[in-house]
Amino acid sequence: MSIYNANEVATLVVRHRTRQGSESAYEAWLRRTVITAKGYEGHLGVDVFRSNHDGMHLFTSVLRFSDTEKLQVWLDSQDRRLLIAEVQELLADGDQLEISQGREFWFTPESGQVLPPPRWKQACITFLVILPLTLTIPLCWRPLFERVPWLGGYFQSNVVITLTIVLLVVYLFMPRVTRLFEPWLNVRKNGGIHEKR
């Protein structure tokens, strides 16, 4: 399959509903799949949600990659094709995929089990992450701006400061903070269980 060409953080949401009695075999397959995916360039982490759906076990895995091109490499890989072929007999509905991009990946819910976080909660988390950075990053760059006057110009300094903040938010702080506050962000149904990998 093909996905967007935009060069930004990409999230793959995989939903698997397992057949009765195949949960242990699926868990073993999932562990191997997570380990294999971690070996691919741009892999940023995996969250696994477990719950019951229509009387069957529902596994929702959220894989994050640094950009869509690297996610596409994983989707098209021989490793993944072999793993999906191997697990098909354990699944009730086949391999269900959903891809999202941009800032929404921070708040990706588990379909049918987690309601989307209210916008005010998303705003609170975003504010919590960005405010300290806007206060500290300019101070961190100030010595360099003083030593290199042309870099300290209004436009150049703002480009450097903004780029630094964006990279730190997207790649470092926001994924960790949203995982830390995940129980507060998401309202769960049916007693779903969330595991970080």
N, C-alpha and C. Protein backbone atom coordinates (compact mmCIF):
# COMPACT_ATOMS: atom_id res chain seq x y z
N MET A 1 0.84 -1.19 0.00
CA MET A 1 0.00 0.00 0.00
C MET A 1 0.87 1.23 0.00
N SER A 2 0.32 2.37 -0.40
CA SER A 2 1.08 3.61 -0.41
C SER A 2 0.46 4.58 0.58
N ILE A 3 1.27 5.55 1.05
CA ILE A 3 0.81 6.53 2.02
C ILE A 3 1.26 7.90 1.57
N TYR A 4 0.88 8.94 2.34
CA TYR A 4 1.23 10.30 1.99
C TYR A 4 2.74 10.47 1.88
N ASN A 5 3.16 11.46 1.07
CA ASN A 5 4.57 11.74 0.87
C ASN A 5 5.10 12.81 1.80
N ALA A 6 4.23 13.42 2.60
CA ALA A 6 4.68 14.50 3.49
C ALA A 6 5.74 13.98 4.44
N ASN A 7 6.78 14.80 4.62
CA ASN A 7 7.91 14.38 5.45
C ASN A 7 7.68 14.82 6.90
N GLU A 8 6.87 14.06 7.64
CA GLU A 8 6.59 14.39 9.03
C GLU A 8 6.34 13.11 9.80
N VAL A 9 6.27 13.23 11.12
CA VAL A 9 6.06 12.06 11.96
C VAL A 9 4.81 11.32 11.51
N ALA A 10 4.90 10.01 11.42
CA ALA A 10 3.78 9.19 10.95
C ALA A 10 3.49 8.10 11.97
N THR A 11 2.22 7.77 12.10
CA THR A 11 1.76 6.76 13.04
C THR A 11 0.98 5.68 12.31
N LEU A 12 1.32 4.44 12.59
CA LEU A 12 0.59 3.30 12.05
C LEU A 12 -0.21 2.66 13.19
N VAL A 13 -1.52 2.63 13.04
CA VAL A 13 -2.40 1.99 14.03
C VAL A 13 -2.86 0.65 13.45
N VAL A 14 -2.52 -0.44 14.14
CA VAL A 14 -2.85 -1.79 13.69
C VAL A 14 -3.83 -2.40 14.67
N ARG A 15 -5.00 -2.82 14.16
CA ARG A 15 -6.02 -3.43 15.02
C ARG A 15 -6.22 -4.88 14.62
N HIS A 16 -6.03 -5.77 15.58
CA HIS A 16 -6.20 -7.20 15.35
C HIS A 16 -7.18 -7.77 16.37
N ARG A 17 -8.24 -8.40 15.88
CA ARG A 17 -9.17 -9.12 16.74
C ARG A 17 -8.87 -10.60 16.60
N THR A 18 -8.47 -11.24 17.68
CA THR A 18 -8.00 -12.63 17.60
C THR A 18 -9.15 -13.61 17.78
N ARG A 19 -8.99 -14.77 17.15
CA ARG A 19 -9.96 -15.85 17.31
C ARG A 19 -9.88 -16.42 18.72
N GLN A 20 -10.98 -17.00 19.16
CA GLN A 20 -11.03 -17.60 20.49
C GLN A 20 -9.93 -18.66 20.63
N GLY A 21 -9.20 -18.57 21.76
CA GLY A 21 -8.17 -19.56 22.06
C GLY A 21 -6.82 -19.29 21.42
N SER A 22 -6.70 -18.23 20.63
CA SER A 22 -5.43 -17.96 19.95
C SER A 22 -4.64 -16.82 20.59
N GLU A 23 -5.07 -16.37 21.78
CA GLU A 23 -4.45 -15.21 22.40
C GLU A 23 -2.97 -15.43 22.71
N SER A 24 -2.61 -16.58 23.25
CA SER A 24 -1.22 -16.85 23.62
C SER A 24 -0.32 -16.88 22.38
N ALA A 25 -0.80 -17.54 21.33
CA ALA A 25 -0.03 -17.59 20.09
C ALA A 25 0.13 -16.19 19.50
N TYR A 26 -0.93 -15.38 19.60
CA TYR A 26 -0.83 -14.02 19.08
C TYR A 26 0.16 -13.19 19.89
N GLU A 27 0.14 -13.35 21.21
CA GLU A 27 1.07 -12.61 22.06
C GLU A 27 2.52 -12.91 21.68
N ALA A 28 2.81 -14.18 21.42
CA ALA A 28 4.17 -14.56 21.02
C ALA A 28 4.51 -13.91 19.67
N TRP A 29 3.56 -13.94 18.74
CA TRP A 29 3.77 -13.30 17.44
C TRP A 29 3.98 -11.80 17.60
N LEU A 30 3.21 -11.16 18.48
CA LEU A 30 3.31 -9.72 18.69
C LEU A 30 4.67 -9.33 19.24
N ARG A 31 5.19 -10.13 20.17
CA ARG A 31 6.52 -9.83 20.73
C ARG A 31 7.59 -9.86 19.64
N ARG A 32 7.53 -10.85 18.77
CA ARG A 32 8.51 -10.93 17.68
C ARG A 32 8.35 -9.78 16.70
N THR A 33 7.11 -9.38 16.44
CA THR A 33 6.85 -8.28 15.51
C THR A 33 7.39 -6.97 16.06
N VAL A 34 7.17 -6.71 17.35
CA VAL A 34 7.65 -5.47 17.97
C VAL A 34 9.17 -5.41 17.90
N ILE A 35 9.84 -6.52 18.20
CA ILE A 35 11.30 -6.56 18.15
C ILE A 35 11.79 -6.30 16.72
N THR A 36 11.12 -6.91 15.74
CA THR A 36 11.52 -6.73 14.35
C THR A 36 11.34 -5.28 13.91
N ALA A 37 10.21 -4.67 14.25
CA ALA A 37 9.94 -3.29 13.85
C ALA A 37 10.95 -2.32 14.45
N LYS A 38 11.39 -2.60 15.67
CA LYS A 38 12.36 -1.72 16.33
C LYS A 38 13.68 -1.65 15.58
N GLY A 39 13.97 -2.66 14.77
CA GLY A 39 15.22 -2.67 14.02
C GLY A 39 15.20 -1.80 12.77
N TYR A 40 14.04 -1.21 12.46
CA TYR A 40 13.94 -0.40 11.24
C TYR A 40 14.22 1.07 11.54
N GLU A 41 14.91 1.72 10.61
CA GLU A 41 15.29 3.11 10.78
C GLU A 41 14.06 4.00 10.96
N GLY A 42 14.16 4.94 11.89
CA GLY A 42 13.07 5.89 12.12
C GLY A 42 12.03 5.42 13.10
N HIS A 43 12.14 4.21 13.62
CA HIS A 43 11.16 3.68 14.58
C HIS A 43 11.26 4.47 15.89
N LEU A 44 10.12 4.98 16.37
CA LEU A 44 10.09 5.83 17.56
C LEU A 44 9.43 5.17 18.76
N GLY A 45 8.88 3.98 18.60
CA GLY A 45 8.25 3.32 19.74
C GLY A 45 6.91 2.70 19.39
N VAL A 46 6.43 1.85 20.30
CA VAL A 46 5.17 1.13 20.11
C VAL A 46 4.37 1.18 21.40
N ASP A 47 3.07 1.42 21.27
CA ASP A 47 2.13 1.26 22.37
C ASP A 47 1.17 0.15 22.00
N VAL A 48 0.87 -0.75 22.95
CA VAL A 48 -0.06 -1.84 22.70
C VAL A 48 -1.22 -1.73 23.68
N PHE A 49 -2.46 -1.72 23.14
CA PHE A 49 -3.67 -1.68 23.95
C PHE A 49 -4.37 -3.03 23.85
N ARG A 50 -4.81 -3.56 24.99
CA ARG A 50 -5.53 -4.83 25.01
C ARG A 50 -6.92 -4.60 25.61
N SER A 51 -7.93 -5.20 24.99
CA SER A 51 -9.29 -5.07 25.50
C SER A 51 -10.16 -6.14 24.87
N ASN A 52 -11.42 -6.18 25.27
CA ASN A 52 -12.38 -7.11 24.68
C ASN A 52 -13.32 -6.35 23.77
N HIS A 53 -13.62 -6.92 22.63
CA HIS A 53 -14.50 -6.27 21.65
C HIS A 53 -15.36 -7.34 20.99
N ASP A 54 -16.67 -7.23 21.17
CA ASP A 54 -17.62 -8.22 20.62
C ASP A 54 -17.28 -9.63 21.09
N GLY A 55 -16.86 -9.75 22.35
CA GLY A 55 -16.55 -11.06 22.92
C GLY A 55 -15.22 -11.63 22.52
N MET A 56 -14.43 -10.88 21.77
CA MET A 56 -13.10 -11.35 21.36
C MET A 56 -12.03 -10.39 21.88
N HIS A 57 -10.79 -10.87 21.93
CA HIS A 57 -9.69 -10.03 22.37
C HIS A 57 -9.28 -9.10 21.24
N LEU A 58 -9.21 -7.81 21.55
CA LEU A 58 -8.80 -6.81 20.58
C LEU A 58 -7.43 -6.26 20.97
N PHE A 59 -6.48 -6.33 20.05
CA PHE A 59 -5.14 -5.79 20.24
C PHE A 59 -4.97 -4.59 19.30
N THR A 60 -4.68 -3.43 19.86
CA THR A 60 -4.42 -2.24 19.06
C THR A 60 -2.99 -1.81 19.29
N SER A 61 -2.17 -1.86 18.25
CA SER A 61 -0.76 -1.47 18.33
C SER A 61 -0.56 -0.15 17.60
N VAL A 62 0.08 0.80 18.27
CA VAL A 62 0.35 2.12 17.70
C VAL A 62 1.85 2.25 17.50
N LEU A 63 2.30 2.19 16.25
CA LEU A 63 3.72 2.30 15.91
C LEU A 63 4.00 3.68 15.36
N ARG A 64 5.05 4.32 15.88
CA ARG A 64 5.40 5.66 15.43
C ARG A 64 6.76 5.64 14.73
N PHE A 65 6.81 6.32 13.58
CA PHE A 65 8.04 6.45 12.81
C PHE A 65 8.34 7.93 12.59
N SER A 66 9.61 8.24 12.38
CA SER A 66 10.03 9.64 12.28
C SER A 66 9.48 10.34 11.05
N ASP A 67 9.16 9.60 9.99
CA ASP A 67 8.51 10.20 8.82
C ASP A 67 7.82 9.11 8.02
N THR A 68 7.01 9.52 7.06
CA THR A 68 6.21 8.57 6.31
C THR A 68 7.04 7.66 5.41
N GLU A 69 8.17 8.16 4.93
CA GLU A 69 9.02 7.34 4.07
C GLU A 69 9.56 6.13 4.84
N LYS A 70 9.99 6.36 6.07
CA LYS A 70 10.52 5.25 6.88
C LYS A 70 9.40 4.30 7.29
N LEU A 71 8.22 4.83 7.55
CA LEU A 71 7.08 3.97 7.83
C LEU A 71 6.75 3.12 6.61
N GLN A 72 6.82 3.72 5.43
CA GLN A 72 6.55 2.99 4.20
C GLN A 72 7.52 1.83 4.01
N VAL A 73 8.79 2.05 4.37
CA VAL A 73 9.79 0.97 4.27
C VAL A 73 9.35 -0.21 5.12
N TRP A 74 8.87 0.06 6.34
CA TRP A 74 8.40 -1.02 7.21
C TRP A 74 7.17 -1.71 6.61
N LEU A 75 6.22 -0.92 6.12
CA LEU A 75 5.00 -1.50 5.53
C LEU A 75 5.31 -2.39 4.34
N ASP A 76 6.29 -2.01 3.54
CA ASP A 76 6.61 -2.75 2.32
C ASP A 76 7.65 -3.84 2.53
N SER A 77 8.15 -3.96 3.74
CA SER A 77 9.27 -4.88 3.99
C SER A 77 8.85 -6.34 3.89
N GLN A 78 9.81 -7.17 3.52
CA GLN A 78 9.61 -8.61 3.48
C GLN A 78 9.34 -9.14 4.87
N ASP A 79 9.99 -8.57 5.88
CA ASP A 79 9.77 -9.00 7.27
C ASP A 79 8.30 -8.89 7.64
N ARG A 80 7.70 -7.72 7.35
CA ARG A 80 6.30 -7.53 7.73
C ARG A 80 5.38 -8.42 6.91
N ARG A 81 5.65 -8.58 5.63
CA ARG A 81 4.80 -9.45 4.80
C ARG A 81 4.79 -10.88 5.35
N LEU A 82 5.94 -11.37 5.75
CA LEU A 82 6.02 -12.73 6.30
C LEU A 82 5.29 -12.83 7.63
N LEU A 83 5.45 -11.80 8.48
CA LEU A 83 4.77 -11.81 9.77
C LEU A 83 3.26 -11.77 9.61
N ILE A 84 2.75 -10.95 8.71
CA ILE A 84 1.31 -10.87 8.49
C ILE A 84 0.76 -12.17 7.92
N ALA A 85 1.50 -12.78 7.00
CA ALA A 85 1.08 -14.06 6.44
C ALA A 85 1.00 -15.12 7.54
N GLU A 86 1.93 -15.06 8.47
CA GLU A 86 1.99 -16.04 9.55
C GLU A 86 0.82 -15.89 10.52
N VAL A 87 0.36 -14.65 10.77
CA VAL A 87 -0.64 -14.41 11.81
C VAL A 87 -2.07 -14.49 11.29
N GLN A 88 -2.27 -14.54 9.99
CA GLN A 88 -3.61 -14.47 9.42
C GLN A 88 -4.58 -15.48 10.03
N GLU A 89 -4.12 -16.69 10.25
CA GLU A 89 -5.02 -17.74 10.76
C GLU A 89 -5.45 -17.48 12.21
N LEU A 90 -4.77 -16.57 12.89
CA LEU A 90 -5.14 -16.26 14.27
C LEU A 90 -6.15 -15.11 14.36
N LEU A 91 -6.39 -14.41 13.25
CA LEU A 91 -7.19 -13.19 13.26
C LEU A 91 -8.62 -13.45 12.79
N ALA A 92 -9.56 -12.76 13.45
CA ALA A 92 -10.96 -12.88 13.07
C ALA A 92 -11.32 -11.96 11.92
N ASP A 93 -10.65 -10.82 11.81
CA ASP A 93 -11.01 -9.81 10.81
C ASP A 93 -9.86 -9.42 9.90
N GLY A 94 -8.77 -10.13 9.92
CA GLY A 94 -7.63 -9.76 9.09
C GLY A 94 -6.82 -8.62 9.68
N ASP A 95 -5.94 -8.06 8.87
CA ASP A 95 -5.01 -7.02 9.28
C ASP A 95 -5.63 -5.65 9.03
N GLN A 96 -6.04 -4.95 10.10
CA GLN A 96 -6.72 -3.66 9.98
C GLN A 96 -5.72 -2.54 10.25
N LEU A 97 -5.48 -1.67 9.25
CA LEU A 97 -4.48 -0.62 9.35
C LEU A 97 -5.11 0.76 9.24
N GLU A 98 -4.50 1.72 9.96
CA GLU A 98 -4.88 3.12 9.84
C GLU A 98 -3.63 3.96 10.00
N ILE A 99 -3.44 4.96 9.14
CA ILE A 99 -2.25 5.80 9.19
C ILE A 99 -2.66 7.23 9.47
N SER A 100 -1.95 7.87 10.40
CA SER A 100 -2.20 9.29 10.69
C SER A 100 -0.87 10.01 10.71
N GLN A 101 -0.94 11.35 10.55
CA GLN A 101 0.27 12.15 10.48
C GLN A 101 0.13 13.42 11.30
N GLY A 102 1.25 14.12 11.46
CA GLY A 102 1.24 15.42 12.12
C GLY A 102 1.02 15.31 13.60
N ARG A 103 0.55 16.41 14.22
CA ARG A 103 0.44 16.47 15.67
C ARG A 103 -0.60 15.51 16.22
N GLU A 104 -1.58 15.08 15.38
CA GLU A 104 -2.62 14.21 15.88
C GLU A 104 -2.08 12.88 16.37
N PHE A 105 -0.87 12.49 15.93
CA PHE A 105 -0.35 11.20 16.38
C PHE A 105 -0.12 11.18 17.88
N TRP A 106 0.05 12.36 18.49
CA TRP A 106 0.26 12.39 19.93
C TRP A 106 -0.97 11.92 20.69
N PHE A 107 -2.15 12.09 20.10
CA PHE A 107 -3.39 11.81 20.81
C PHE A 107 -4.20 10.71 20.14
N THR A 108 -3.53 9.80 19.43
CA THR A 108 -4.22 8.73 18.72
C THR A 108 -4.93 7.82 19.71
N PRO A 109 -6.26 7.67 19.64
CA PRO A 109 -6.98 6.80 20.56
C PRO A 109 -7.06 5.39 20.04
N GLU A 110 -7.46 4.50 20.89
CA GLU A 110 -7.73 3.12 20.51
C GLU A 110 -9.17 3.04 20.04
N SER A 111 -9.38 2.78 18.78
CA SER A 111 -10.72 2.84 18.21
C SER A 111 -11.67 1.92 18.95
N GLY A 112 -12.84 2.48 19.35
CA GLY A 112 -13.86 1.69 20.01
C GLY A 112 -13.63 1.49 21.48
N GLN A 113 -12.45 1.83 21.99
CA GLN A 113 -12.15 1.59 23.39
C GLN A 113 -11.77 2.87 24.13
N VAL A 114 -11.25 3.87 23.42
CA VAL A 114 -10.85 5.13 24.05
C VAL A 114 -11.48 6.28 23.29
N LEU A 115 -12.21 7.14 24.01
CA LEU A 115 -12.76 8.32 23.38
C LEU A 115 -11.64 9.31 23.09
N PRO A 116 -11.72 10.06 22.00
CA PRO A 116 -10.68 11.07 21.73
C PRO A 116 -10.57 12.04 22.89
N PRO A 117 -9.36 12.42 23.30
CA PRO A 117 -9.22 13.37 24.41
C PRO A 117 -9.88 14.69 24.08
N PRO A 118 -10.52 15.33 25.05
CA PRO A 118 -11.10 16.66 24.80
C PRO A 118 -10.02 17.63 24.34
N ARG A 119 -10.42 18.58 23.50
CA ARG A 119 -9.46 19.55 22.97
C ARG A 119 -8.77 20.33 24.08
N TRP A 120 -9.50 20.61 25.17
CA TRP A 120 -8.88 21.40 26.23
C TRP A 120 -7.76 20.62 26.91
N LYS A 121 -7.90 19.29 26.98
CA LYS A 121 -6.82 18.48 27.55
C LYS A 121 -5.62 18.46 26.60
N GLN A 122 -5.87 18.34 25.30
CA GLN A 122 -4.78 18.39 24.34
C GLN A 122 -4.05 19.73 24.43
N ALA A 123 -4.84 20.81 24.58
CA ALA A 123 -4.23 22.14 24.70
C ALA A 123 -3.39 22.25 25.98
N CYS A 124 -3.87 21.67 27.07
CA CYS A 124 -3.11 21.71 28.33
C CYS A 124 -1.77 20.99 28.20
N ILE A 125 -1.79 19.81 27.58
CA ILE A 125 -0.55 19.04 27.42
C ILE A 125 0.41 19.77 26.51
N THR A 126 -0.11 20.31 25.40
CA THR A 126 0.75 21.05 24.48
C THR A 126 1.38 22.27 25.16
N PHE A 127 0.58 23.00 25.93
CA PHE A 127 1.07 24.16 26.67
C PHE A 127 2.14 23.74 27.69
N LEU A 128 1.89 22.63 28.38
CA LEU A 128 2.82 22.14 29.39
C LEU A 128 4.19 21.83 28.77
N VAL A 129 4.19 21.32 27.53
CA VAL A 129 5.44 20.96 26.86
C VAL A 129 6.14 22.19 26.28
N ILE A 130 5.37 23.07 25.65
CA ILE A 130 5.97 24.17 24.89
C ILE A 130 6.43 25.32 25.77
N LEU A 131 5.67 25.65 26.82
CA LEU A 131 6.02 26.81 27.64
C LEU A 131 7.44 26.75 28.20
N PRO A 132 7.86 25.65 28.88
CA PRO A 132 9.24 25.62 29.40
C PRO A 132 10.29 25.77 28.30
N LEU A 133 10.00 25.21 27.13
CA LEU A 133 10.97 25.31 26.04
C LEU A 133 11.10 26.74 25.52
N THR A 134 9.97 27.45 25.41
CA THR A 134 10.05 28.83 24.93
C THR A 134 10.77 29.74 25.92
N LEU A 135 10.79 29.35 27.19
CA LEU A 135 11.48 30.14 28.20
C LEU A 135 12.97 29.83 28.28
N THR A 136 13.32 28.56 28.01
CA THR A 136 14.71 28.13 28.23
C THR A 136 15.56 28.07 26.96
N ILE A 137 14.96 27.71 25.82
CA ILE A 137 15.75 27.55 24.60
C ILE A 137 16.44 28.84 24.18
N PRO A 138 15.76 30.02 24.21
CA PRO A 138 16.47 31.25 23.85
C PRO A 138 17.67 31.52 24.76
N LEU A 139 17.54 31.17 26.04
CA LEU A 139 18.68 31.37 26.96
C LEU A 139 19.84 30.44 26.61
N CYS A 140 19.51 29.23 26.19
CA CYS A 140 20.56 28.27 25.82
C CYS A 140 21.32 28.73 24.58
N TRP A 141 20.63 29.34 23.63
CA TRP A 141 21.27 29.78 22.40
C TRP A 141 21.97 31.13 22.54
N ARG A 142 21.65 31.90 23.57
CA ARG A 142 22.16 33.27 23.69
C ARG A 142 23.69 33.36 23.61
N PRO A 143 24.46 32.49 24.32
CA PRO A 143 25.92 32.60 24.21
C PRO A 143 26.43 32.47 22.77
N LEU A 144 25.82 31.56 21.99
CA LEU A 144 26.24 31.41 20.60
C LEU A 144 25.87 32.64 19.78
N PHE A 145 24.69 33.19 20.01
CA PHE A 145 24.27 34.39 19.29
C PHE A 145 25.21 35.57 19.58
N GLU A 146 25.70 35.63 20.82
CA GLU A 146 26.61 36.72 21.18
C GLU A 146 27.98 36.55 20.52
N ARG A 147 28.40 35.30 20.35
CA ARG A 147 29.70 35.02 19.74
C ARG A 147 29.64 35.11 18.22
N VAL A 148 28.46 34.83 17.64
CA VAL A 148 28.29 34.88 16.18
C VAL A 148 27.17 35.88 15.89
N PRO A 149 27.51 37.16 15.76
CA PRO A 149 26.48 38.21 15.64
C PRO A 149 25.50 38.01 14.49
N TRP A 150 25.97 37.52 13.33
CA TRP A 150 25.05 37.37 12.20
C TRP A 150 23.97 36.32 12.48
N LEU A 151 24.31 35.31 13.30
CA LEU A 151 23.33 34.28 13.66
C LEU A 151 22.33 34.81 14.69
N GLY A 152 22.74 35.87 15.40
CA GLY A 152 21.86 36.44 16.41
C GLY A 152 20.89 37.47 15.89
N GLY A 153 20.87 37.68 14.57
CA GLY A 153 19.90 38.60 13.98
C GLY A 153 18.47 38.13 14.24
N TYR A 154 17.51 39.05 14.09
CA TYR A 154 16.11 38.75 14.43
C TYR A 154 15.60 37.51 13.70
N PHE A 155 15.75 37.48 12.38
CA PHE A 155 15.22 36.37 11.60
C PHE A 155 15.98 35.07 11.87
N GLN A 156 17.33 35.15 11.80
CA GLN A 156 18.15 33.95 11.97
C GLN A 156 17.95 33.33 13.35
N SER A 157 17.95 34.15 14.39
CA SER A 157 17.82 33.62 15.76
C SER A 157 16.45 32.98 15.97
N ASN A 158 15.40 33.58 15.40
CA ASN A 158 14.07 33.01 15.55
C ASN A 158 13.92 31.70 14.80
N VAL A 159 14.59 31.60 13.64
CA VAL A 159 14.56 30.32 12.91
C VAL A 159 15.23 29.23 13.74
N VAL A 160 16.40 29.53 14.30
CA VAL A 160 17.14 28.54 15.10
C VAL A 160 16.33 28.15 16.34
N ILE A 161 15.79 29.12 17.04
CA ILE A 161 15.03 28.85 18.27
C ILE A 161 13.76 28.05 17.97
N THR A 162 13.02 28.46 16.93
CA THR A 162 11.78 27.76 16.59
C THR A 162 12.06 26.34 16.14
N LEU A 163 13.08 26.16 15.30
CA LEU A 163 13.43 24.82 14.83
C LEU A 163 13.81 23.92 16.00
N THR A 164 14.58 24.45 16.93
CA THR A 164 14.98 23.67 18.11
C THR A 164 13.77 23.24 18.91
N ILE A 165 12.84 24.16 19.15
CA ILE A 165 11.65 23.84 19.92
C ILE A 165 10.80 22.79 19.22
N VAL A 166 10.60 22.96 17.91
CA VAL A 166 9.77 22.00 17.16
C VAL A 166 10.36 20.60 17.21
N LEU A 167 11.67 20.49 16.99
CA LEU A 167 12.32 19.18 17.00
C LEU A 167 12.23 18.53 18.37
N LEU A 168 12.44 19.31 19.42
CA LEU A 168 12.36 18.76 20.78
C LEU A 168 10.94 18.32 21.12
N VAL A 169 9.96 19.11 20.70
CA VAL A 169 8.57 18.77 20.98
C VAL A 169 8.17 17.49 20.26
N VAL A 170 8.46 17.42 18.95
CA VAL A 170 7.99 16.30 18.14
C VAL A 170 8.71 15.00 18.46
N TYR A 171 10.04 15.07 18.58
CA TYR A 171 10.82 13.83 18.71
C TYR A 171 11.12 13.42 20.14
N LEU A 172 11.07 14.33 21.09
CA LEU A 172 11.52 14.00 22.44
C LEU A 172 10.42 14.12 23.48
N PHE A 173 9.88 15.32 23.64
CA PHE A 173 9.02 15.56 24.79
C PHE A 173 7.57 15.14 24.60
N MET A 174 6.94 15.50 23.49
CA MET A 174 5.51 15.23 23.36
C MET A 174 5.16 13.75 23.42
N PRO A 175 5.88 12.86 22.71
CA PRO A 175 5.53 11.44 22.85
C PRO A 175 5.64 10.93 24.29
N ARG A 176 6.65 11.38 25.02
CA ARG A 176 6.83 10.92 26.40
C ARG A 176 5.78 11.51 27.34
N VAL A 177 5.48 12.79 27.15
CA VAL A 177 4.51 13.44 28.05
C VAL A 177 3.11 12.89 27.83
N THR A 178 2.72 12.65 26.57
CA THR A 178 1.39 12.11 26.33
C THR A 178 1.26 10.68 26.85
N ARG A 179 2.35 9.92 26.83
CA ARG A 179 2.30 8.59 27.43
C ARG A 179 2.19 8.68 28.94
N LEU A 180 2.90 9.64 29.53
CA LEU A 180 2.85 9.82 30.98
C LEU A 180 1.44 10.20 31.44
N PHE A 181 0.78 11.07 30.67
CA PHE A 181 -0.55 11.56 31.04
C PHE A 181 -1.67 10.79 30.35
N GLU A 182 -1.35 9.66 29.72
CA GLU A 182 -2.33 8.91 28.95
C GLU A 182 -3.58 8.55 29.76
N PRO A 183 -3.47 8.10 31.04
CA PRO A 183 -4.71 7.79 31.79
C PRO A 183 -5.61 9.01 31.98
N TRP A 184 -5.02 10.19 32.09
CA TRP A 184 -5.81 11.42 32.25
C TRP A 184 -6.38 11.89 30.91
N LEU A 185 -5.62 11.71 29.83
CA LEU A 185 -6.07 12.16 28.52
C LEU A 185 -7.24 11.35 28.00
N ASN A 186 -7.17 10.03 28.17
CA ASN A 186 -8.13 9.14 27.51
C ASN A 186 -9.13 8.57 28.48
N VAL A 187 -10.40 8.59 28.08
CA VAL A 187 -11.48 7.98 28.85
C VAL A 187 -11.71 6.60 28.28
N ARG A 188 -11.49 5.55 29.08
CA ARG A 188 -11.55 4.18 28.58
C ARG A 188 -12.94 3.57 28.72
N LYS A 189 -13.21 2.63 27.83
CA LYS A 189 -14.43 1.83 27.91
C LYS A 189 -14.04 0.36 27.95
N ASN A 190 -14.84 -0.44 28.60
CA ASN A 190 -14.67 -1.91 28.65
C ASN A 190 -13.38 -2.35 29.29
N GLY A 191 -12.79 -1.51 30.12
CA GLY A 191 -11.63 -1.94 30.89
C GLY A 191 -10.43 -2.28 30.07
N GLY A 192 -10.15 -1.53 29.00
CA GLY A 192 -8.99 -1.83 28.16
C GLY A 192 -7.70 -1.69 28.93
N ILE A 193 -6.68 -2.46 28.54
CA ILE A 193 -5.37 -2.43 29.18
C ILE A 193 -4.36 -1.89 28.20
N HIS A 194 -3.52 -0.98 28.67
CA HIS A 194 -2.53 -0.32 27.82
C HIS A 194 -1.13 -0.75 28.26
N GLU A 195 -0.32 -1.14 27.31
CA GLU A 195 1.05 -1.54 27.60
C GLU A 195 2.00 -0.77 26.70
N LYS A 196 3.10 -0.25 27.27
CA LYS A 196 4.11 0.45 26.49
C LYS A 196 5.21 -0.53 26.12
N ARG A 197 5.71 -0.43 24.89
CA ARG A 197 6.80 -1.30 24.44
C ARG A 197 7.89 -0.47 23.81
